Amino acid sequence: TAQIRLLYCSRDEAEAVFRAARDAGLTGPGYIW
């Protein structure tokens, strides 16, 4: 539920997480990672 997200992962995992976040609509304005 938070718009601020602290992500702990490897570089390769970051690509997969951000791909999923983008597909879920969680990377646009209002979301801070």
All heavy atoms as atom14 arrays in JSON, in Angstrom:
{
  "sequence": "TAQIRLLYCSRDEAEAVFRAARDAGLTGPGYIW",
  "atom14_mask": [
    [1, 1, 1, 1, 1, 1, 1, 0, 0, 0, 0, 0, 0, 0],
    [1, 1, 1, 1, 1, 0, 0, 0, 0, 0, 0, 0, 0, 0],
    [1, 1, 1, 1, 1, 1, 1, 1, 1, 0, 0, 0, 0, 0],
    [1, 1, 1, 1, 1, 1, 1, 1, 0, 0, 0, 0, 0, 0],
    [1, 1, 1, 1, 1, 1, 1, 1, 1, 1, 1, 0, 0, 0],
    [1, 1, 1, 1, 1, 1, 1, 1, 0, 0, 0, 0, 0, 0],
    [1, 1, 1, 1, 1, 1, 1, 1, 0, 0, 0, 0, 0, 0],
    [1, 1, 1, 1, 1, 1, 1, 1, 1, 1, 1, 1, 0, 0],
    [1, 1, 1, 1, 1, 1, 0, 0, 0, 0, 0, 0, 0, 0],
    [1, 1, 1, 1, 1, 1, 0, 0, 0, 0, 0, 0, 0, 0],
    [1, 1, 1, 1, 1, 1, 1, 1, 1, 1, 1, 0, 0, 0],
    [1, 1, 1, 1, 1, 1, 1, 1, 0, 0, 0, 0, 0, 0],
    [1, 1, 1, 1, 1, 1, 1, 1, 1, 0, 0, 0, 0, 0],
    [1, 1, 1, 1, 1, 0, 0, 0, 0, 0, 0, 0, 0, 0],
    [1, 1, 1, 1, 1, 1, 1, 1, 1, 0, 0, 0, 0, 0],
    [1, 1, 1, 1, 1, 0, 0, 0, 0, 0, 0, 0, 0, 0],
    [1, 1, 1, 1, 1, 1, 1, 0, 0, 0, 0, 0, 0, 0],
    [1, 1, 1, 1, 1, 1, 1, 1, 1, 1, 1, 0, 0, 0],
    [1, 1, 1, 1, 1, 1, 1, 1, 1, 1, 1, 0, 0, 0],
    [1, 1, 1, 1, 1, 0, 0, 0, 0, 0, 0, 0, 0, 0],
    [1, 1, 1, 1, 1, 0, 0, 0, 0, 0, 0, 0, 0, 0],
    [1, 1, 1, 1, 1, 1, 1, 1, 1, 1, 1, 0, 0, 0],
    [1, 1, 1, 1, 1, 1, 1, 1, 0, 0, 0, 0, 0, 0],
    [1, 1, 1, 1, 1, 0, 0, 0, 0, 0, 0, 0, 0, 0],
    [1, 1, 1, 1, 0, 0, 0, 0, 0, 0, 0, 0, 0, 0],
    [1, 1, 1, 1, 1, 1, 1, 1, 0, 0, 0, 0, 0, 0],
    [1, 1, 1, 1, 1, 1, 1, 0, 0, 0, 0, 0, 0, 0],
    [1, 1, 1, 1, 0, 0, 0, 0, 0, 0, 0, 0, 0, 0],
    [1, 1, 1, 1, 1, 1, 1, 0, 0, 0, 0, 0, 0, 0],
    [1, 1, 1, 1, 0, 0, 0, 0, 0, 0, 0, 0, 0, 0],
    [1, 1, 1, 1, 1, 1, 1, 1, 1, 1, 1, 1, 0, 0],
    [1, 1, 1, 1, 1, 1, 1, 1, 0, 0, 0, 0, 0, 0],
    [1, 1, 1, 1, 1, 1, 1, 1, 1, 1, 1, 1, 1, 1]
  ],
  "atom14_positions": [
    [[0.8, -1.23, 0.0], [0.0, 0.0, 0.0], [0.83, 1.27, 0.0], [0.31, 2.34, -0.26], [-0.95, 0.03, 1.22], [-0.16, -0.04, 2.41], [-1.93, -1.13, 1.16], [0.0, 0.0, 0.0], [0.0, 0.0, 0.0], [0.0, 0.0, 0.0], [0.0, 0.0, 0.0], [0.0, 0.0, 0.0], [0.0, 0.0, 0.0], [0.0, 0.0, 0.0]],
    [[2.1, 1.19, 0.29], [2.94, 2.39, 0.34], [3.44, 2.78, -1.04], [3.75, 1.92, -1.87], [4.13, 2.15, 1.27], [0.0, 0.0, 0.0], [0.0, 0.0, 0.0], [0.0, 0.0, 0.0], [0.0, 0.0, 0.0], [0.0, 0.0, 0.0], [0.0, 0.0, 0.0], [0.0, 0.0, 0.0], [0.0, 0.0, 0.0], [0.0, 0.0, 0.0]],
    [[3.52, 4.09, -1.28], [4.06, 4.56, -2.55], [5.58, 4.62, -2.53], [6.21, 4.62, -3.58], [3.47, 5.93, -2.88], [1.98, 5.85, -3.2], [1.41, 7.21, -3.5], [1.46, 8.09, -2.66], [0.88, 7.36, -4.7], [0.0, 0.0, 0.0], [0.0, 0.0, 0.0], [0.0, 0.0, 0.0], [0.0, 0.0, 0.0], [0.0, 0.0, 0.0]],
    [[6.17, 4.67, -1.33], [7.62, 4.63, -1.18], [8.01, 3.18, -0.93], [7.49, 2.55, -0.01], [8.09, 5.49, 0.01], [7.52, 6.9, -0.07], [9.62, 5.49, 0.11], [8.05, 7.75, -1.17], [0.0, 0.0, 0.0], [0.0, 0.0, 0.0], [0.0, 0.0, 0.0], [0.0, 0.0, 0.0], [0.0, 0.0, 0.0], [0.0, 0.0, 0.0]],
    [[8.94, 2.66, -1.74], [9.34, 1.26, -1.61], [10.86, 1.16, -1.56], [11.55, 1.75, -2.38], [8.81, 0.45, -2.79], [7.29, 0.39, -2.78], [6.71, 0.21, -4.17], [5.27, 0.39, -4.14], [4.4, -0.57, -4.36], [4.81, -1.79, -4.66], [3.11, -0.32, -4.3], [0.0, 0.0, 0.0], [0.0, 0.0, 0.0], [0.0, 0.0, 0.0]],
    [[11.34, 0.42, -0.58], [12.76, 0.14, -0.46], [12.99, -1.27, -0.97], [12.47, -2.23, -0.41], [13.22, 0.24, 1.0], [12.84, 1.51, 1.76], [13.37, 1.45, 3.19], [13.36, 2.74, 1.05], [0.0, 0.0, 0.0], [0.0, 0.0, 0.0], [0.0, 0.0, 0.0], [0.0, 0.0, 0.0], [0.0, 0.0, 0.0], [0.0, 0.0, 0.0]],
    [[13.73, -1.4, -2.05], [13.93, -2.69, -2.71], [15.35, -3.18, -2.48], [16.32, -2.49, -2.78], [13.67, -2.55, -4.21], [13.99, -3.75, -5.1], [13.16, -4.97, -4.72], [13.79, -3.39, -6.57], [0.0, 0.0, 0.0], [0.0, 0.0, 0.0], [0.0, 0.0, 0.0], [0.0, 0.0, 0.0], [0.0, 0.0, 0.0], [0.0, 0.0, 0.0]],
    [[15.47, -4.4, -1.95], [16.76, -5.05, -1.77], [16.83, -6.24, -2.71], [16.01, -7.16, -2.62], [16.95, -5.52, -0.32], [18.24, -6.25, -0.09], [19.43, -5.55, 0.08], [18.28, -7.64, -0.07], [20.63, -6.22, 0.28], [19.48, -8.31, 0.14], [20.64, -7.6, 0.32], [21.83, -8.27, 0.5], [0.0, 0.0, 0.0], [0.0, 0.0, 0.0]],
    [[17.8, -6.22, -3.63], [17.91, -7.3, -4.62], [19.23, -7.18, -5.35], [19.98, -6.23, -5.16], [16.75, -7.22, -5.61], [16.76, -5.72, -6.59], [0.0, 0.0, 0.0], [0.0, 0.0, 0.0], [0.0, 0.0, 0.0], [0.0, 0.0, 0.0], [0.0, 0.0, 0.0], [0.0, 0.0, 0.0], [0.0, 0.0, 0.0], [0.0, 0.0, 0.0]],
    [[19.48, -8.15, -6.22], [20.65, -8.09, -7.09], [20.3, -7.26, -8.32], [19.13, -6.94, -8.56], [21.08, -9.49, -7.52], [20.14, -10.02, -8.44], [0.0, 0.0, 0.0], [0.0, 0.0, 0.0], [0.0, 0.0, 0.0], [0.0, 0.0, 0.0], [0.0, 0.0, 0.0], [0.0, 0.0, 0.0], [0.0, 0.0, 0.0], [0.0, 0.0, 0.0]],
    [[21.31, -6.93, -9.1], [21.07, -6.13, -10.3], [20.17, -6.87, -11.29], [19.24, -6.3, -11.84], [22.41, -5.79, -10.97], [22.27, -4.82, -12.09], [23.62, -4.54, -12.72], [23.61, -3.37, -13.55], [22.96, -3.29, -14.69], [22.24, -4.29, -15.12], [23.0, -2.18, -15.41], [0.0, 0.0, 0.0], [0.0, 0.0, 0.0], [0.0, 0.0, 0.0]],
    [[20.43, -8.16, -11.51], [19.6, -8.94, -12.44], [18.17, -9.05, -11.93], [17.22, -8.97, -12.7], [20.19, -10.34, -12.65], [21.52, -10.29, -13.39], [21.78, -9.3, -14.1], [22.3, -11.25, -13.26], [0.0, 0.0, 0.0], [0.0, 0.0, 0.0], [0.0, 0.0, 0.0], [0.0, 0.0, 0.0], [0.0, 0.0, 0.0], [0.0, 0.0, 0.0]],
    [[18.02, -9.22, -10.62], [16.68, -9.31, -10.04], [15.95, -7.98, -10.16], [14.74, -7.95, -10.35], [16.76, -9.73, -8.58], [17.19, -11.17, -8.39], [17.47, -11.49, -6.93], [17.85, -10.59, -6.16], [17.3, -12.68, -6.57], [0.0, 0.0, 0.0], [0.0, 0.0, 0.0], [0.0, 0.0, 0.0], [0.0, 0.0, 0.0], [0.0, 0.0, 0.0]],
    [[16.69, -6.87, -10.07], [16.06, -5.55, -10.18], [15.37, -5.41, -11.52], [14.26, -4.85, -11.61], [17.09, -4.45, -9.98], [0.0, 0.0, 0.0], [0.0, 0.0, 0.0], [0.0, 0.0, 0.0], [0.0, 0.0, 0.0], [0.0, 0.0, 0.0], [0.0, 0.0, 0.0], [0.0, 0.0, 0.0], [0.0, 0.0, 0.0], [0.0, 0.0, 0.0]],
    [[15.99, -5.92, -12.56], [15.37, -5.84, -13.89], [14.04, -6.59, -13.91], [13.04, -6.09, -14.43], [16.33, -6.38, -14.95], [17.57, -5.52, -15.1], [18.53, -6.03, -16.16], [18.12, -6.87, -16.99], [19.69, -5.58, -16.14], [0.0, 0.0, 0.0], [0.0, 0.0, 0.0], [0.0, 0.0, 0.0], [0.0, 0.0, 0.0], [0.0, 0.0, 0.0]],
    [[14.0, -7.78, -13.32], [12.75, -8.57, -13.29], [11.7, -7.9, -12.4], [10.52, -7.85, -12.75], [13.04, -9.98, -12.79], [0.0, 0.0, 0.0], [0.0, 0.0, 0.0], [0.0, 0.0, 0.0], [0.0, 0.0, 0.0], [0.0, 0.0, 0.0], [0.0, 0.0, 0.0], [0.0, 0.0, 0.0], [0.0, 0.0, 0.0], [0.0, 0.0, 0.0]],
    [[12.12, -7.36, -11.25], [11.17, -6.7, -10.35], [10.58, -5.47, -11.01], [9.36, -5.25, -10.96], [11.84, -6.34, -9.0], [10.93, -5.46, -8.15], [12.21, -7.61, -8.23], [0.0, 0.0, 0.0], [0.0, 0.0, 0.0], [0.0, 0.0, 0.0], [0.0, 0.0, 0.0], [0.0, 0.0, 0.0], [0.0, 0.0, 0.0], [0.0, 0.0, 0.0]],
    [[11.41, -4.65, -11.65], [10.89, -3.43, -12.28], [10.03, -3.74, -13.5], [9.1, -3.01, -13.8], [12.02, -2.46, -12.63], [12.47, -1.67, -11.44], [13.76, -1.78, -10.97], [11.6, -0.81, -10.79], [14.18, -1.06, -9.87], [12.0, -0.08, -9.68], [13.29, -0.2, -9.22], [0.0, 0.0, 0.0], [0.0, 0.0, 0.0], [0.0, 0.0, 0.0]],
    [[10.33, -4.82, -14.19], [9.48, -5.23, -15.31], [8.08, -5.59, -14.78], [7.07, -5.16, -15.3], [10.12, -6.43, -16.03], [9.46, -6.8, -17.32], [10.25, -7.84, -18.14], [11.03, -8.8, -17.38], [12.36, -8.75, -17.23], [13.07, -7.77, -17.77], [13.0, -9.67, -16.53], [0.0, 0.0, 0.0], [0.0, 0.0, 0.0], [0.0, 0.0, 0.0]],
    [[8.05, -6.37, -13.68], [6.75, -6.74, -13.08], [6.05, -5.51, -12.51], [4.82, -5.37, -12.66], [6.98, -7.78, -11.96], [0.0, 0.0, 0.0], [0.0, 0.0, 0.0], [0.0, 0.0, 0.0], [0.0, 0.0, 0.0], [0.0, 0.0, 0.0], [0.0, 0.0, 0.0], [0.0, 0.0, 0.0], [0.0, 0.0, 0.0], [0.0, 0.0, 0.0]],
    [[6.79, -4.6, -11.88], [6.19, -3.38, -11.32], [5.62, -2.5, -12.43], [4.53, -1.94, -12.29], [7.23, -2.61, -10.51], [0.0, 0.0, 0.0], [0.0, 0.0, 0.0], [0.0, 0.0, 0.0], [0.0, 0.0, 0.0], [0.0, 0.0, 0.0], [0.0, 0.0, 0.0], [0.0, 0.0, 0.0], [0.0, 0.0, 0.0], [0.0, 0.0, 0.0]],
    [[6.34, -2.39, -13.53], [5.83, -1.61, -14.67], [4.56, -2.23, -15.21], [3.56, -1.54, -15.43], [6.89, -1.54, -15.78], [6.45, -0.68, -16.96], [7.29, -0.91, -18.2], [7.16, -2.32, -18.58], [8.14, -3.07, -19.07], [9.34, -2.57, -19.21], [7.94, -4.33, -19.39], [0.0, 0.0, 0.0], [0.0, 0.0, 0.0], [0.0, 0.0, 0.0]],
    [[4.55, -3.55, -15.37], [3.36, -4.24, -15.88], [2.17, -4.09, -14.93], [1.02, -4.12, -15.35], [3.65, -5.73, -16.1], [4.64, -5.96, -17.24], [4.91, -5.01, -18.02], [5.18, -7.09, -17.33], [0.0, 0.0, 0.0], [0.0, 0.0, 0.0], [0.0, 0.0, 0.0], [0.0, 0.0, 0.0], [0.0, 0.0, 0.0], [0.0, 0.0, 0.0]],
    [[2.46, -3.93, -13.63], [1.39, -3.77, -12.64], [0.99, -2.3, -12.46], [0.12, -1.99, -11.65], [1.85, -4.35, -11.3], [0.0, 0.0, 0.0], [0.0, 0.0, 0.0], [0.0, 0.0, 0.0], [0.0, 0.0, 0.0], [0.0, 0.0, 0.0], [0.0, 0.0, 0.0], [0.0, 0.0, 0.0], [0.0, 0.0, 0.0], [0.0, 0.0, 0.0]],
    [[1.63, -1.4, -13.2], [1.3, 0.02, -13.1], [1.85, 0.7, -11.86], [1.28, 1.67, -11.36], [0.0, 0.0, 0.0], [0.0, 0.0, 0.0], [0.0, 0.0, 0.0], [0.0, 0.0, 0.0], [0.0, 0.0, 0.0], [0.0, 0.0, 0.0], [0.0, 0.0, 0.0], [0.0, 0.0, 0.0], [0.0, 0.0, 0.0], [0.0, 0.0, 0.0]],
    [[3.0, 0.24, -11.36], [3.55, 0.74, -10.1], [4.86, 1.5, -10.26], [5.62, 1.64, -9.31], [3.76, -0.43, -9.14], [2.52, -1.27, -8.83], [2.9, -2.52, -8.05], [1.51, -0.45, -8.07], [0.0, 0.0, 0.0], [0.0, 0.0, 0.0], [0.0, 0.0, 0.0], [0.0, 0.0, 0.0], [0.0, 0.0, 0.0], [0.0, 0.0, 0.0]],
    [[5.12, 2.0, -11.48], [6.37, 2.72, -11.69], [6.15, 4.13, -12.21], [7.12, 4.83, -12.46], [7.27, 1.95, -12.68], [6.55, 1.78, -13.92], [7.71, 0.63, -12.12], [0.0, 0.0, 0.0], [0.0, 0.0, 0.0], [0.0, 0.0, 0.0], [0.0, 0.0, 0.0], [0.0, 0.0, 0.0], [0.0, 0.0, 0.0], [0.0, 0.0, 0.0]],
    [[4.94, 4.54, -12.34], [4.67, 5.88, -12.86], [4.72, 6.94, -11.79], [5.23, 6.72, -10.69], [0.0, 0.0, 0.0], [0.0, 0.0, 0.0], [0.0, 0.0, 0.0], [0.0, 0.0, 0.0], [0.0, 0.0, 0.0], [0.0, 0.0, 0.0], [0.0, 0.0, 0.0], [0.0, 0.0, 0.0], [0.0, 0.0, 0.0], [0.0, 0.0, 0.0]],
    [[4.17, 8.1, -12.11], [4.15, 9.2, -11.14], [3.48, 8.76, -9.84], [2.48, 8.05, -9.84], [3.31, 10.27, -11.85], [3.46, 9.97, -13.3], [3.58, 8.47, -13.39], [0.0, 0.0, 0.0], [0.0, 0.0, 0.0], [0.0, 0.0, 0.0], [0.0, 0.0, 0.0], [0.0, 0.0, 0.0], [0.0, 0.0, 0.0], [0.0, 0.0, 0.0]],
    [[4.07, 9.19, -8.74], [3.52, 8.86, -7.43], [4.17, 7.66, -6.77], [3.94, 7.4, -5.6], [0.0, 0.0, 0.0], [0.0, 0.0, 0.0], [0.0, 0.0, 0.0], [0.0, 0.0, 0.0], [0.0, 0.0, 0.0], [0.0, 0.0, 0.0], [0.0, 0.0, 0.0], [0.0, 0.0, 0.0], [0.0, 0.0, 0.0], [0.0, 0.0, 0.0]],
    [[4.99, 6.93, -7.51], [5.7, 5.78, -6.93], [7.18, 6.09, -6.89], [7.78, 6.51, -7.87], [5.46, 4.51, -7.75], [4.04, 4.04, -7.66], [3.12, 4.34, -8.67], [3.59, 3.32, -6.56], [1.8, 3.92, -8.58], [2.27, 2.89, -6.47], [1.39, 3.21, -7.48], [0.09, 2.8, -7.38], [0.0, 0.0, 0.0], [0.0, 0.0, 0.0]],
    [[7.78, 5.87, -5.72], [9.2, 6.15, -5.54], [9.86, 4.86, -5.05], [9.46, 4.3, -4.04], [9.42, 7.29, -4.54], [8.75, 8.56, -5.08], [10.9, 7.5, -4.29], [8.69, 9.69, -4.1], [0.0, 0.0, 0.0], [0.0, 0.0, 0.0], [0.0, 0.0, 0.0], [0.0, 0.0, 0.0], [0.0, 0.0, 0.0], [0.0, 0.0, 0.0]],
    [[10.87, 4.42, -5.79], [11.61, 3.21, -5.46], [13.04, 3.58, -5.1], [13.69, 4.34, -5.81], [11.64, 2.27, -6.67], [10.33, 1.66, -7.04], [9.31, 2.26, -7.73], [9.89, 0.34, -6.76], [8.28, 1.38, -7.89], [8.6, 0.19, -7.31], [10.47, -0.74, -6.11], [7.89, -1.0, -7.21], [9.76, -1.93, -6.02], [8.48, -2.05, -6.56]]
  ]
}
